PDB file of N, CA and C in Angstrom:
ATOM      1  N   MET A   1     168.665  72.612 128.092  1.00  0.00           N
ATOM      2  CA  MET A   1     169.947  72.688 127.438  1.00  0.00           C
ATOM      3  C   MET A   1     170.649  74.010 127.762  1.00  0.00           C
ATOM      4  N   GLU A   2     169.873  75.037 128.014  1.00  0.00           N
ATOM      5  CA  GLU A   2     170.480  76.329 128.355  1.00  0.00           C
ATOM      6  C   GLU A   2     171.345  76.214 129.605  1.00  0.00           C
ATOM      7  N   LYS A   3     170.848  75.473 130.596  1.00  0.00           N
ATOM      8  CA  LYS A   3     171.601  75.284 131.840  1.00  0.00           C
ATOM      9  C   LYS A   3     172.924  74.558 131.567  1.00  0.00           C
ATOM     10  N   ILE A   4     172.875  73.553 130.733  1.00  0.00           N
ATOM     11  CA  ILE A   4     174.076  72.784 130.410  1.00  0.00           C
ATOM     12  C   ILE A   4     175.098  73.669 129.696  1.00  0.00           C
ATOM     13  N   ILE A   5     174.642  74.464 128.746  1.00  0.00           N
ATOM     14  CA  ILE A   5     175.551  75.345 128.016  1.00  0.00           C
ATOM     15  C   ILE A   5     176.197  76.349 128.959  1.00  0.00           C
ATOM     16  N   GLN A   6     175.413  76.884 129.896  1.00  0.00           N
ATOM     17  CA  GLN A   6     175.974  77.828 130.860  1.00  0.00           C
ATOM     18  C   GLN A   6     177.056  77.157 131.713  1.00  0.00           C
ATOM     19  N   GLU A   7     176.851  75.894 132.063  1.00  0.00           N
ATOM     20  CA  GLU A   7     177.863  75.169 132.822  1.00  0.00           C
ATOM     21  C   GLU A   7     179.135  74.988 131.994  1.00  0.00           C
ATOM     22  N   TYR A   8     179.000  74.772 130.677  1.00  0.00           N
ATOM     23  CA  TYR A   8     180.173  74.675 129.810  1.00  0.00           C
ATOM     24  C   TYR A   8     180.940  75.995 129.820  1.00  0.00           C
ATOM     25  N   VAL A   9     180.216  77.092 129.690  1.00  0.00           N
ATOM     26  CA  VAL A   9     180.845  78.415 129.675  1.00  0.00           C
ATOM     27  C   VAL A   9     181.614  78.650 130.973  1.00  0.00           C
ATOM     28  N   GLU A  10     180.978  78.351 132.100  1.00  0.00           N
ATOM     29  CA  GLU A  10     181.637  78.536 133.397  1.00  0.00           C
ATOM     30  C   GLU A  10     182.892  77.675 133.499  1.00  0.00           C
ATOM     31  N   TYR A  11     182.808  76.447 133.017  1.00  0.00           N
ATOM     32  CA  TYR A  11     183.966  75.561 133.054  1.00  0.00           C
ATOM     33  C   TYR A  11     185.115  76.130 132.219  1.00  0.00           C
ATOM     34  N   LEU A  12     184.804  76.628 131.035  1.00  0.00           N
ATOM     35  CA  LEU A  12     185.847  77.140 130.147  1.00  0.00           C
ATOM     36  C   LEU A  12     186.485  78.422 130.666  1.00  0.00           C
ATOM     37  N   GLN A  13     185.873  79.058 131.614  1.00  0.00           N
ATOM     38  CA  GLN A  13     186.426  80.277 132.189  1.00  0.00           C
ATOM     39  C   GLN A  13     187.334  79.997 133.391  1.00  0.00           C
ATOM     40  N   GLU A  14     187.573  78.737 133.705  1.00  0.00           N
ATOM     41  CA  GLU A  14     188.396  78.368 134.857  1.00  0.00           C
ATOM     42  C   GLU A  14     189.897  78.464 134.579  1.00  0.00           C
ATOM     43  N   ASN A  15     190.288  78.729 133.352  1.00  0.00           N
ATOM     44  CA  ASN A  15     191.699  78.888 132.978  1.00  0.00           C
ATOM     45  C   ASN A  15     192.559  77.669 133.299  1.00  0.00           C
ATOM     46  N   LEU A  16     192.066  76.506 132.948  1.00  0.00           N
ATOM     47  CA  LEU A  16     192.847  75.274 133.064  1.00  0.00           C
ATOM     48  C   LEU A  16     193.677  75.114 131.798  1.00  0.00           C
ATOM     49  N   PRO A  17     194.662  74.233 131.805  1.00  0.00           N
ATOM     50  CA  PRO A  17     195.410  73.971 130.570  1.00  0.00           C
ATOM     51  C   PRO A  17     194.443  73.551 129.448  1.00  0.00           C
ATOM     52  N   GLU A  18     194.696  74.041 128.248  1.00  0.00           N
ATOM     53  CA  GLU A  18     193.770  73.826 127.130  1.00  0.00           C
ATOM     54  C   GLU A  18     193.471  72.354 126.872  1.00  0.00           C
ATOM     55  N   SER A  19     194.498  71.521 126.946  1.00  0.00           N
ATOM     56  CA  SER A  19     194.257  70.102 126.683  1.00  0.00           C
ATOM     57  C   SER A  19     193.338  69.497 127.747  1.00  0.00           C
ATOM     58  N   ASP A  20     193.503  69.905 128.995  1.00  0.00           N
ATOM     59  CA  ASP A  20     192.617  69.416 130.061  1.00  0.00           C
ATOM     60  C   ASP A  20     191.191  69.887 129.823  1.00  0.00           C
ATOM     61  N   GLU A  21     191.042  71.163 129.468  1.00  0.00           N
ATOM     62  CA  GLU A  21     189.709  71.707 129.192  1.00  0.00           C
ATOM     63  C   GLU A  21     189.034  70.933 128.067  1.00  0.00           C
ATOM     64  N   PHE A  22     189.774  70.722 126.989  1.00  0.00           N
ATOM     65  CA  PHE A  22     189.206  70.052 125.825  1.00  0.00           C
ATOM     66  C   PHE A  22     188.708  68.652 126.162  1.00  0.00           C
ATOM     67  N   TRP A  23     189.558  67.839 126.764  1.00  0.00           N
ATOM     68  CA  TRP A  23     189.189  66.440 127.005  1.00  0.00           C
ATOM     69  C   TRP A  23     188.105  66.312 128.072  1.00  0.00           C
ATOM     70  N   LYS A  24     188.157  67.155 129.081  1.00  0.00           N
ATOM     71  CA  LYS A  24     187.109  67.098 130.098  1.00  0.00           C
ATOM     72  C   LYS A  24     185.773  67.553 129.516  1.00  0.00           C
ATOM     73  N   LEU A  25     185.804  68.601 128.704  1.00  0.00           N
ATOM     74  CA  LEU A  25     184.571  69.093 128.086  1.00  0.00           C
ATOM     75  C   LEU A  25     184.026  68.078 127.090  1.00  0.00           C
ATOM     76  N   GLU A  26     184.916  67.439 126.337  1.00  0.00           N
ATOM     77  CA  GLU A  26     184.483  66.413 125.380  1.00  0.00           C
ATOM     78  C   GLU A  26     183.777  65.273 126.100  1.00  0.00           C
ATOM     79  N   LYS A  27     184.333  64.845 127.220  1.00  0.00           N
ATOM     80  CA  LYS A  27     183.719  63.774 128.010  1.00  0.00           C
ATOM     81  C   LYS A  27     182.365  64.223 128.561  1.00  0.00           C
ATOM     82  N   ARG A  28     182.302  65.453 129.038  1.00  0.00           N
ATOM     83  CA  ARG A  28     181.058  65.986 129.594  1.00  0.00           C
ATOM     84  C   ARG A  28     179.972  66.060 128.518  1.00  0.00           C
ATOM     85  N   ILE A  29     180.320  66.537 127.319  1.00  0.00           N
ATOM     86  CA  ILE A  29     179.346  66.622 126.231  1.00  0.00           C
ATOM     87  C   ILE A  29     178.845  65.228 125.865  1.00  0.00           C
ATOM     88  N   LYS A  30     179.743  64.273 125.807  1.00  0.00           N
ATOM     89  CA  LYS A  30     179.360  62.892 125.486  1.00  0.00           C
ATOM     90  C   LYS A  30     178.342  62.370 126.501  1.00  0.00           C
ATOM     91  N   ASN A  31     178.562  62.631 127.788  1.00  0.00           N
ATOM     92  CA  ASN A  31     177.629  62.193 128.824  1.00  0.00           C
ATOM     93  C   ASN A  31     176.318  62.983 128.769  1.00  0.00           C
ATOM     94  N   ASP A  32     176.411  64.284 128.508  1.00  0.00           N
ATOM     95  CA  ASP A  32     175.213  65.116 128.474  1.00  0.00           C
ATOM     96  C   ASP A  32     174.290  64.755 127.317  1.00  0.00           C
ATOM     97  N   LYS A  33     174.847  64.230 126.240  1.00  0.00           N
ATOM     98  CA  LYS A  33     174.018  63.830 125.102  1.00  0.00           C
ATOM     99  C   LYS A  33     172.990  62.772 125.496  1.00  0.00           C
ATOM    100  N   LYS A  34     173.263  62.036 126.559  1.00  0.00           N
ATOM    101  CA  LYS A  34     172.386  60.951 126.986  1.00  0.00           C
ATOM    102  C   LYS A  34     171.316  61.409 127.973  1.00  0.00           C
ATOM    103  N   LYS A  35     171.408  62.643 128.443  1.00  0.00           N
ATOM    104  CA  LYS A  35     170.448  63.137 129.433  1.00  0.00           C
ATOM    105  C   LYS A  35     169.099  63.404 128.777  1.00  0.00           C
ATOM    106  N   PRO A  36     168.033  63.161 129.516  1.00  0.00           N
ATOM    107  CA  PRO A  36     166.698  63.315 128.928  1.00  0.00           C
ATOM    108  C   PRO A  36     166.369  64.735 128.506  1.00  0.00           C
ATOM    109  N   GLY A  37     166.986  65.745 129.105  1.00  0.00           N
ATOM    110  CA  GLY A  37     166.719  67.113 128.693  1.00  0.00           C
ATOM    111  C   GLY A  37     167.319  67.438 127.340  1.00  0.00           C
ATOM    112  N   VAL A  38     168.240  66.608 126.881  1.00  0.00           N
ATOM    113  CA  VAL A  38     168.909  66.826 125.609  1.00  0.00           C
ATOM    114  C   VAL A  38     168.319  65.909 124.544  1.00  0.00           C
ATOM    115  N   LEU A  39     168.177  64.659 124.882  1.00  0.00           N
ATOM    116  CA  LEU A  39     167.689  63.681 123.923  1.00  0.00           C
ATOM    117  C   LEU A  39     166.793  62.696 124.655  1.00  0.00           C
ATOM    118  N   ILE A  40     165.594  62.529 124.159  1.00  0.00           N
ATOM    119  CA  ILE A  40     164.682  61.590 124.805  1.00  0.00           C
ATOM    120  C   ILE A  40     163.747  61.011 123.749  1.00  0.00           C
ATOM    121  N   GLU A  41     163.535  59.735 123.821  1.00  0.00           N
ATOM    122  CA  GLU A  41     162.562  59.077 122.961  1.00  0.00           C
ATOM    123  C   GLU A  41     161.295  58.925 123.790  1.00  0.00           C
ATOM    124  N   LEU A  42     160.255  59.601 123.388  1.00  0.00           N
ATOM    125  CA  LEU A  42     159.015  59.563 124.153  1.00  0.00           C
ATOM    126  C   LEU A  42     158.151  58.389 123.727  1.00  0.00           C
ATOM    127  N   GLN A  43     157.757  57.608 124.713  1.00  0.00           N
ATOM    128  CA  GLN A  43     156.850  56.491 124.498  1.00  0.00           C
ATOM    129  C   GLN A  43     155.870  56.466 125.658  1.00  0.00           C
ATOM    130  N   LYS A  44     154.641  56.198 125.354  1.00  0.00           N
ATOM    131  CA  LYS A  44     153.614  56.179 126.396  1.00  0.00           C
ATOM    132  C   LYS A  44     153.955  55.163 127.480  1.00  0.00           C
ATOM    133  N   SER A  45     154.532  54.059 127.103  1.00  0.00           N
ATOM    134  CA  SER A  45     154.825  52.998 128.069  1.00  0.00           C
ATOM    135  C   SER A  45     155.901  53.395 129.081  1.00  0.00           C
ATOM    136  N   SER A  46     156.735  54.378 128.745  1.00  0.00           N
ATOM    137  CA  SER A  46     157.793  54.790 129.669  1.00  0.00           C
ATOM    138  C   SER A  46     157.612  56.225 130.166  1.00  0.00           C
ATOM    139  N   MET A  47     156.422  56.764 130.000  1.00  0.00           N
ATOM    140  CA  MET A  47     156.151  58.152 130.333  1.00  0.00           C
ATOM    141  C   MET A  47     156.515  58.509 131.773  1.00  0.00           C
ATOM    142  N   ILE A  48     156.105  57.711 132.729  1.00  0.00           N
ATOM    143  CA  ILE A  48     156.372  58.026 134.135  1.00  0.00           C
ATOM    144  C   ILE A  48     157.879  58.052 134.389  1.00  0.00           C
ATOM    145  N   TRP A  49     158.606  57.092 133.841  1.00  0.00           N
ATOM    146  CA  TRP A  49     160.059  57.063 134.025  1.00  0.00           C
ATOM    147  C   TRP A  49     160.717  58.260 133.352  1.00  0.00           C
ATOM    148  N   ASP A  50     160.214  58.630 132.173  1.00  0.00           N
ATOM    149  CA  ASP A  50     160.776  59.786 131.468  1.00  0.00           C
ATOM    150  C   ASP A  50     160.572  61.065 132.271  1.00  0.00           C
ATOM    151  N   ILE A  51     159.386  61.253 132.814  1.00  0.00           N
ATOM    152  CA  ILE A  51     159.099  62.443 133.616  1.00  0.00           C
ATOM    153  C   ILE A  51     159.956  62.443 134.880  1.00  0.00           C
ATOM    154  N   ALA A  52     160.093  61.276 135.514  1.00  0.00           N
ATOM    155  CA  ALA A  52     160.921  61.179 136.717  1.00  0.00           C
ATOM    156  C   ALA A  52     162.370  61.552 136.403  1.00  0.00           C
ATOM    157  N   ARG A  53     162.889  61.107 135.268  1.00  0.00           N
ATOM    158  CA  ARG A  53     164.263  61.463 134.872  1.00  0.00           C
ATOM    159  C   ARG A  53     164.391  62.958 134.605  1.00  0.00           C
ATOM    160  N   LEU A  54     163.373  63.550 133.989  1.00  0.00           N
ATOM    161  CA  LEU A  54     163.405  64.987 133.729  1.00  0.00           C
ATOM    162  C   LEU A  54     163.417  65.774 135.034  1.00  0.00           C
ATOM    163  N   VAL A  55     162.640  65.324 136.017  1.00  0.00           N
ATOM    164  CA  VAL A  55     162.633  65.981 137.329  1.00  0.00           C
ATOM    165  C   VAL A  55     163.984  65.781 138.008  1.00  0.00           C
ATOM    166  N   HIS A  56     164.493  64.568 137.986  1.00  0.00           N
ATOM    167  CA  HIS A  56     165.775  64.265 138.628  1.00  0.00           C
ATOM    168  C   HIS A  56     166.914  65.098 138.052  1.00  0.00           C
ATOM    169  N   ASP A  57     166.895  65.324 136.734  1.00  0.00           N
ATOM    170  CA  ASP A  57     167.964  66.086 136.075  1.00  0.00           C
ATOM    171  C   ASP A  57     167.681  67.584 136.061  1.00  0.00           C
ATOM    172  N   ASP A  58     166.677  68.023 136.816  1.00  0.00           N
ATOM    173  CA  ASP A  58     166.324  69.443 136.932  1.00  0.00           C
ATOM    174  C   ASP A  58     165.936  70.079 135.602  1.00  0.00           C
ATOM    175  N   VAL A  59     165.389  69.292 134.694  1.00  0.00           N
ATOM    176  CA  VAL A  59     164.873  69.833 133.441  1.00  0.00           C
ATOM    177  C   VAL A  59     163.498  70.447 133.695  1.00  0.00           C
ATOM    178  N   ILE A  60     162.713  69.771 134.530  1.00  0.00           N
ATOM    179  CA  ILE A  60     161.418  70.289 134.978  1.00  0.00           C
ATOM    180  C   ILE A  60     161.351  70.145 136.491  1.00  0.00           C
ATOM    181  N   THR A  61     160.394  70.831 137.096  1.00  0.00           N
ATOM    182  CA  THR A  61     160.211  70.742 138.546  1.00  0.00           C
ATOM    183  C   THR A  61     158.885  70.075 138.864  1.00  0.00           C
ATOM    184  N   ILE A  62     158.756  69.615 140.085  1.00  0.00           N
ATOM    185  CA  ILE A  62     157.494  69.029 140.536  1.00  0.00           C
ATOM    186  C   ILE A  62     156.378  70.055 140.410  1.00  0.00           C
ATOM    187  N   LYS A  63     156.689  71.303 140.706  1.00  0.00           N
ATOM    188  CA  LYS A  63     155.680  72.366 140.615  1.00  0.00           C
ATOM    189  C   LYS A  63     155.109  72.457 139.201  1.00  0.00           C
ATOM    190  N   GLU A  64     155.921  72.193 138.201  1.00  0.00           N
ATOM    191  CA  GLU A  64     155.460  72.251 136.808  1.00  0.00           C
ATOM    192  C   GLU A  64     154.504  71.111 136.459  1.00  0.00           C
ATOM    193  N   LEU A  65     154.385  70.141 137.355  1.00  0.00           N
ATOM    194  CA  LEU A  65     153.449  69.035 137.114  1.00  0.00           C
ATOM    195  C   LEU A  65     152.044  69.342 137.633  1.00  0.00           C
ATOM    196  N   GLU A  66     151.859  70.544 138.189  1.00  0.00           N
ATOM    197  CA  GLU A  66     150.524  70.932 138.642  1.00  0.00           C
ATOM    198  C   GLU A  66     149.573  70.876 137.456  1.00  0.00           C
ATOM    199  N   GLY A  67     148.402  70.327 137.681  1.00  0.00           N
ATOM    200  CA  GLY A  67     147.438  70.173 136.603  1.00  0.00           C
ATOM    201  C   GLY A  67     147.403  68.753 136.060  1.00  0.00           C
ATOM    202  N   PHE A  68     148.474  68.005 136.323  1.00  0.00           N
ATOM    203  CA  PHE A  68     148.471  66.593 135.954  1.00  0.00           C
ATOM    204  C   PHE A  68     147.722  65.822 137.038  1.00  0.00           C
ATOM    205  N   SER A  69     147.367  64.601 136.752  1.00  0.00           N
ATOM    206  CA  SER A  69     146.604  63.808 137.713  1.00  0.00           C
ATOM    207  C   SER A  69     147.425  63.562 138.979  1.00  0.00           C
ATOM    208  N   ASN A  70     146.699  63.421 140.096  1.00  0.00           N
ATOM    209  CA  ASN A  70     147.367  63.119 141.374  1.00  0.00           C
ATOM    210  C   ASN A  70     148.130  61.808 141.296  1.00  0.00           C
ATOM    211  N   GLU A  71     147.595  60.836 140.573  1.00  0.00           N
ATOM    212  CA  GLU A  71     148.250  59.539 140.436  1.00  0.00           C
ATOM    213  C   GLU A  71     149.620  59.689 139.769  1.00  0.00           C
ATOM    214  N   LEU A  72     149.670  60.515 138.723  1.00  0.00           N
ATOM    215  CA  LEU A  72     150.938  60.725 138.023  1.00  0.00           C
ATOM    216  C   LEU A  72     151.952  61.415 138.948  1.00  0.00           C
ATOM    217  N   VAL A  73     151.534  62.485 139.584  1.00  0.00           N
ATOM    218  CA  VAL A  73     152.435  63.232 140.454  1.00  0.00           C
ATOM    219  C   VAL A  73     152.933  62.342 141.584  1.00  0.00           C
ATOM    220  N   GLU A  74     152.063  61.557 142.190  1.00  0.00           N
ATOM    221  CA  GLU A  74     152.477  60.661 143.280  1.00  0.00           C
ATOM    222  C   GLU A  74     153.451  59.595 142.791  1.00  0.00           C
ATOM    223  N   ALA A  75     153.261  59.134 141.572  1.00  0.00           N
ATOM    224  CA  ALA A  75     154.178  58.134 141.011  1.00  0.00           C
ATOM    225  C   ALA A  75     155.568  58.725 140.777  1.00  0.00           C
ATOM    226  N   ILE A  76     155.622  60.000 140.474  1.00  0.00           N
ATOM    227  CA  ILE A  76     156.891  60.670 140.216  1.00  0.00           C
ATOM    228  C   ILE A  76     157.614  60.977 141.516  1.00  0.00           C
ATOM    229  N   VAL A  77     156.855  61.412 142.515  1.00  0.00           N
ATOM    230  CA  VAL A  77     157.452  61.791 143.796  1.00  0.00           C
ATOM    231  C   VAL A  77     157.734  60.548 144.553  1.00  0.00           C
TER     232      VAL A  77
END
């Protein structure tokens, strides 16, 4: 979430018209709420997909999966 907040800050510093900033940021926040790094329902049955989404959205890295089973890492990559 820290990365997302920093992106909001950078966007707000672009000096666009206030109404454009507001509506674009509102849309971005609405979309970001659905990202796994912000909100995720953890279930064992969807674990591999959840981890893959976290890697895809740069919430975690493949390197951070060191120590997990080779089968899990291969399924993610």
